[in-house]
Amino acid sequence: MSYSLVITEEISAMVKSPPMDKFTHAMFIEAMINLPVDPHGVGSLVRSEGAFTTRTFSVGPHGLITYVVDETTATVTIVDVTWLG
């Protein structure tokens, strides 16, 4: 199945402020862009309810991306970004 990626304005703002260093920013962007390729094959399961699966993906030692996979709409929505720094 092919999934679409959804990054909300809120998540986009979180990644920008406070600003991440360039290396960490690049790591997070790459991880987010690659999530739709195989969203169930990476990260750890947080919960699954019907068509919705919430997972977290560790971006090395830099932090976490929390996302929801919606099987009905074939979307991967980033719902939280946490980083050390």
N, C-alpha and C. Protein backbone atom coordinates (compact mmCIF):
# COMPACT_ATOMS: atom_id res chain seq x y z
N MET A 1 0.84 -1.17 0.00
CA MET A 1 0.00 0.00 0.00
C MET A 1 0.89 1.24 0.00
N SER A 2 0.46 2.25 -0.70
CA SER A 2 1.17 3.52 -0.74
C SER A 2 0.50 4.50 0.22
N TYR A 3 1.31 5.12 1.08
CA TYR A 3 0.80 6.06 2.07
C TYR A 3 1.22 7.48 1.73
N SER A 4 0.36 8.43 2.11
CA SER A 4 0.69 9.86 1.99
C SER A 4 1.14 10.37 3.34
N LEU A 5 2.02 11.35 3.35
CA LEU A 5 2.55 11.93 4.58
C LEU A 5 1.83 13.23 4.88
N VAL A 6 1.41 13.40 6.14
CA VAL A 6 0.76 14.63 6.58
C VAL A 6 1.62 15.22 7.70
N ILE A 7 2.11 16.43 7.45
CA ILE A 7 2.85 17.19 8.48
C ILE A 7 2.07 18.48 8.69
N THR A 8 1.48 18.62 9.86
CA THR A 8 0.65 19.79 10.14
C THR A 8 1.51 21.04 10.35
N GLU A 9 0.86 22.19 10.29
CA GLU A 9 1.57 23.45 10.55
C GLU A 9 2.14 23.45 11.96
N GLU A 10 1.42 22.86 12.90
CA GLU A 10 1.88 22.81 14.29
C GLU A 10 3.19 22.02 14.41
N ILE A 11 3.24 20.88 13.74
CA ILE A 11 4.46 20.05 13.78
C ILE A 11 5.59 20.77 13.07
N SER A 12 5.29 21.40 11.95
CA SER A 12 6.30 22.15 11.21
C SER A 12 6.88 23.25 12.10
N ALA A 13 6.03 23.92 12.85
CA ALA A 13 6.49 24.98 13.75
C ALA A 13 7.34 24.41 14.89
N MET A 14 6.99 23.22 15.36
CA MET A 14 7.76 22.59 16.44
C MET A 14 9.19 22.31 15.99
N VAL A 15 9.34 21.91 14.75
CA VAL A 15 10.67 21.58 14.24
C VAL A 15 11.50 22.84 14.04
N LYS A 16 10.83 23.98 13.84
CA LYS A 16 11.53 25.24 13.60
C LYS A 16 11.85 26.01 14.88
N SER A 17 11.07 25.85 15.95
CA SER A 17 11.25 26.70 17.12
C SER A 17 11.09 25.89 18.39
N PRO A 18 12.06 25.85 19.32
CA PRO A 18 13.38 26.41 19.14
C PRO A 18 14.11 25.66 18.03
N PRO A 19 14.96 26.37 17.36
CA PRO A 19 15.59 25.75 16.19
C PRO A 19 16.48 24.56 16.55
N MET A 20 16.38 23.53 15.72
CA MET A 20 17.29 22.38 15.84
C MET A 20 18.58 22.76 15.13
N ASP A 21 19.67 22.12 15.55
CA ASP A 21 20.90 22.32 14.78
C ASP A 21 20.70 21.66 13.41
N LYS A 22 21.51 22.02 12.44
CA LYS A 22 21.32 21.57 11.05
C LYS A 22 21.36 20.05 10.92
N PHE A 23 22.27 19.40 11.62
CA PHE A 23 22.39 17.95 11.52
C PHE A 23 21.14 17.26 12.05
N THR A 24 20.67 17.67 13.22
CA THR A 24 19.48 17.07 13.82
C THR A 24 18.26 17.33 12.93
N HIS A 25 18.13 18.55 12.43
CA HIS A 25 17.02 18.90 11.54
C HIS A 25 17.02 17.98 10.32
N ALA A 26 18.16 17.78 9.71
CA ALA A 26 18.26 16.92 8.53
C ALA A 26 17.86 15.48 8.87
N MET A 27 18.27 14.99 10.03
CA MET A 27 17.91 13.64 10.46
C MET A 27 16.40 13.48 10.62
N PHE A 28 15.77 14.48 11.26
CA PHE A 28 14.32 14.42 11.46
C PHE A 28 13.57 14.52 10.13
N ILE A 29 13.98 15.41 9.25
CA ILE A 29 13.31 15.56 7.96
C ILE A 29 13.43 14.27 7.15
N GLU A 30 14.61 13.68 7.12
CA GLU A 30 14.80 12.43 6.39
C GLU A 30 13.93 11.33 6.96
N ALA A 31 13.88 11.23 8.28
CA ALA A 31 13.06 10.20 8.93
C ALA A 31 11.58 10.40 8.61
N MET A 32 11.10 11.64 8.67
CA MET A 32 9.70 11.92 8.39
C MET A 32 9.34 11.59 6.95
N ILE A 33 10.19 11.96 6.03
CA ILE A 33 9.93 11.71 4.62
C ILE A 33 9.89 10.21 4.31
N ASN A 34 10.69 9.44 5.01
CA ASN A 34 10.76 8.00 4.76
C ASN A 34 9.67 7.19 5.47
N LEU A 35 8.97 7.78 6.44
CA LEU A 35 7.95 7.02 7.18
C LEU A 35 6.88 6.39 6.29
N PRO A 36 6.35 7.08 5.27
CA PRO A 36 5.29 6.48 4.46
C PRO A 36 5.73 5.25 3.65
N VAL A 37 7.01 5.03 3.49
CA VAL A 37 7.50 3.88 2.73
C VAL A 37 7.06 2.57 3.40
N ASP A 38 7.23 2.48 4.71
CA ASP A 38 6.84 1.29 5.46
C ASP A 38 6.54 1.70 6.90
N PRO A 39 5.41 2.39 7.13
CA PRO A 39 5.15 2.94 8.46
C PRO A 39 4.97 1.90 9.56
N HIS A 40 4.58 0.68 9.20
CA HIS A 40 4.41 -0.37 10.21
C HIS A 40 5.71 -1.15 10.45
N GLY A 41 6.69 -0.96 9.56
CA GLY A 41 7.93 -1.71 9.67
C GLY A 41 9.00 -1.01 10.48
N VAL A 42 8.74 0.20 10.90
CA VAL A 42 9.70 0.95 11.72
C VAL A 42 9.01 1.41 12.99
N GLY A 43 9.79 1.78 13.95
CA GLY A 43 9.23 2.32 15.18
C GLY A 43 8.63 1.26 16.08
N SER A 44 8.02 1.74 17.14
CA SER A 44 7.40 0.87 18.14
C SER A 44 5.91 1.17 18.23
N LEU A 45 5.13 0.13 18.38
CA LEU A 45 3.69 0.27 18.50
C LEU A 45 3.34 0.91 19.85
N VAL A 46 2.51 1.94 19.80
CA VAL A 46 1.99 2.57 21.02
C VAL A 46 0.59 2.05 21.28
N ARG A 47 -0.27 2.11 20.24
CA ARG A 47 -1.63 1.56 20.36
C ARG A 47 -2.22 1.37 18.97
N SER A 48 -3.21 0.50 18.91
CA SER A 48 -3.90 0.23 17.66
C SER A 48 -5.39 0.18 17.95
N GLU A 49 -6.16 1.01 17.24
CA GLU A 49 -7.60 1.06 17.42
C GLU A 49 -8.26 1.11 16.05
N GLY A 50 -8.81 -0.01 15.62
CA GLY A 50 -9.45 -0.07 14.31
C GLY A 50 -8.46 0.21 13.21
N ALA A 51 -8.77 1.20 12.38
CA ALA A 51 -7.92 1.55 11.24
C ALA A 51 -6.73 2.42 11.64
N PHE A 52 -6.65 2.83 12.91
CA PHE A 52 -5.61 3.76 13.36
C PHE A 52 -4.56 3.05 14.21
N THR A 53 -3.31 3.26 13.86
CA THR A 53 -2.19 2.72 14.62
C THR A 53 -1.25 3.87 14.97
N THR A 54 -0.96 4.03 16.26
CA THR A 54 -0.02 5.05 16.71
C THR A 54 1.31 4.36 16.99
N ARG A 55 2.38 4.96 16.48
CA ARG A 55 3.73 4.41 16.63
C ARG A 55 4.70 5.53 16.98
N THR A 56 5.82 5.17 17.58
CA THR A 56 6.92 6.12 17.79
C THR A 56 8.14 5.58 17.07
N PHE A 57 8.91 6.51 16.53
CA PHE A 57 10.12 6.16 15.80
C PHE A 57 11.27 6.96 16.38
N SER A 58 12.31 6.25 16.80
CA SER A 58 13.49 6.90 17.36
C SER A 58 14.40 7.39 16.25
N VAL A 59 14.77 8.65 16.32
CA VAL A 59 15.71 9.24 15.36
C VAL A 59 17.09 9.21 16.03
N GLY A 60 17.65 8.01 16.06
CA GLY A 60 18.93 7.82 16.73
C GLY A 60 18.86 8.34 18.15
N PRO A 61 19.94 8.96 18.62
CA PRO A 61 19.93 9.51 19.97
C PRO A 61 19.34 10.92 20.02
N HIS A 62 18.78 11.38 18.90
CA HIS A 62 18.34 12.77 18.80
C HIS A 62 16.92 13.02 19.28
N GLY A 63 16.07 12.01 19.29
CA GLY A 63 14.70 12.20 19.74
C GLY A 63 13.72 11.22 19.13
N LEU A 64 12.43 11.58 19.18
CA LEU A 64 11.35 10.70 18.75
C LEU A 64 10.38 11.41 17.83
N ILE A 65 9.79 10.64 16.92
CA ILE A 65 8.68 11.09 16.10
C ILE A 65 7.51 10.18 16.44
N THR A 66 6.38 10.76 16.79
CA THR A 66 5.16 9.99 17.03
C THR A 66 4.24 10.23 15.84
N TYR A 67 3.70 9.15 15.31
CA TYR A 67 2.86 9.28 14.12
C TYR A 67 1.70 8.30 14.18
N VAL A 68 0.65 8.63 13.41
CA VAL A 68 -0.54 7.79 13.33
C VAL A 68 -0.70 7.32 11.90
N VAL A 69 -0.87 6.02 11.74
CA VAL A 69 -1.13 5.43 10.44
C VAL A 69 -2.64 5.20 10.34
N ASP A 70 -3.26 5.78 9.33
CA ASP A 70 -4.69 5.62 9.08
C ASP A 70 -4.85 4.74 7.85
N GLU A 71 -5.28 3.51 8.05
CA GLU A 71 -5.43 2.56 6.94
C GLU A 71 -6.58 2.92 6.01
N THR A 72 -7.59 3.61 6.52
CA THR A 72 -8.74 3.99 5.69
C THR A 72 -8.35 5.00 4.63
N THR A 73 -7.58 6.01 5.03
CA THR A 73 -7.18 7.07 4.10
C THR A 73 -5.76 6.88 3.57
N ALA A 74 -5.08 5.84 4.04
CA ALA A 74 -3.69 5.56 3.64
C ALA A 74 -2.79 6.75 3.89
N THR A 75 -2.88 7.30 5.11
CA THR A 75 -2.04 8.45 5.48
C THR A 75 -1.20 8.13 6.71
N VAL A 76 -0.07 8.80 6.78
CA VAL A 76 0.80 8.78 7.95
C VAL A 76 0.86 10.22 8.42
N THR A 77 0.32 10.48 9.62
CA THR A 77 0.27 11.84 10.15
C THR A 77 1.23 11.96 11.33
N ILE A 78 2.17 12.89 11.22
CA ILE A 78 3.09 13.17 12.32
C ILE A 78 2.30 13.94 13.38
N VAL A 79 2.26 13.41 14.61
CA VAL A 79 1.49 14.06 15.66
C VAL A 79 2.35 14.67 16.76
N ASP A 80 3.62 14.28 16.82
CA ASP A 80 4.50 14.86 17.83
C ASP A 80 5.95 14.64 17.43
N VAL A 81 6.77 15.62 17.76
CA VAL A 81 8.21 15.54 17.53
C VAL A 81 8.88 15.99 18.83
N THR A 82 9.77 15.15 19.34
CA THR A 82 10.51 15.46 20.56
C THR A 82 11.98 15.26 20.28
N TRP A 83 12.79 16.24 20.62
CA TRP A 83 14.22 16.08 20.41
C TRP A 83 14.99 16.61 21.60
N LEU A 84 16.20 16.09 21.73
CA LEU A 84 17.08 16.52 22.80
C LEU A 84 17.88 17.71 22.30
N GLY A 85 17.92 18.73 23.07
CA GLY A 85 18.72 19.86 22.61
C GLY A 85 18.27 21.16 23.05
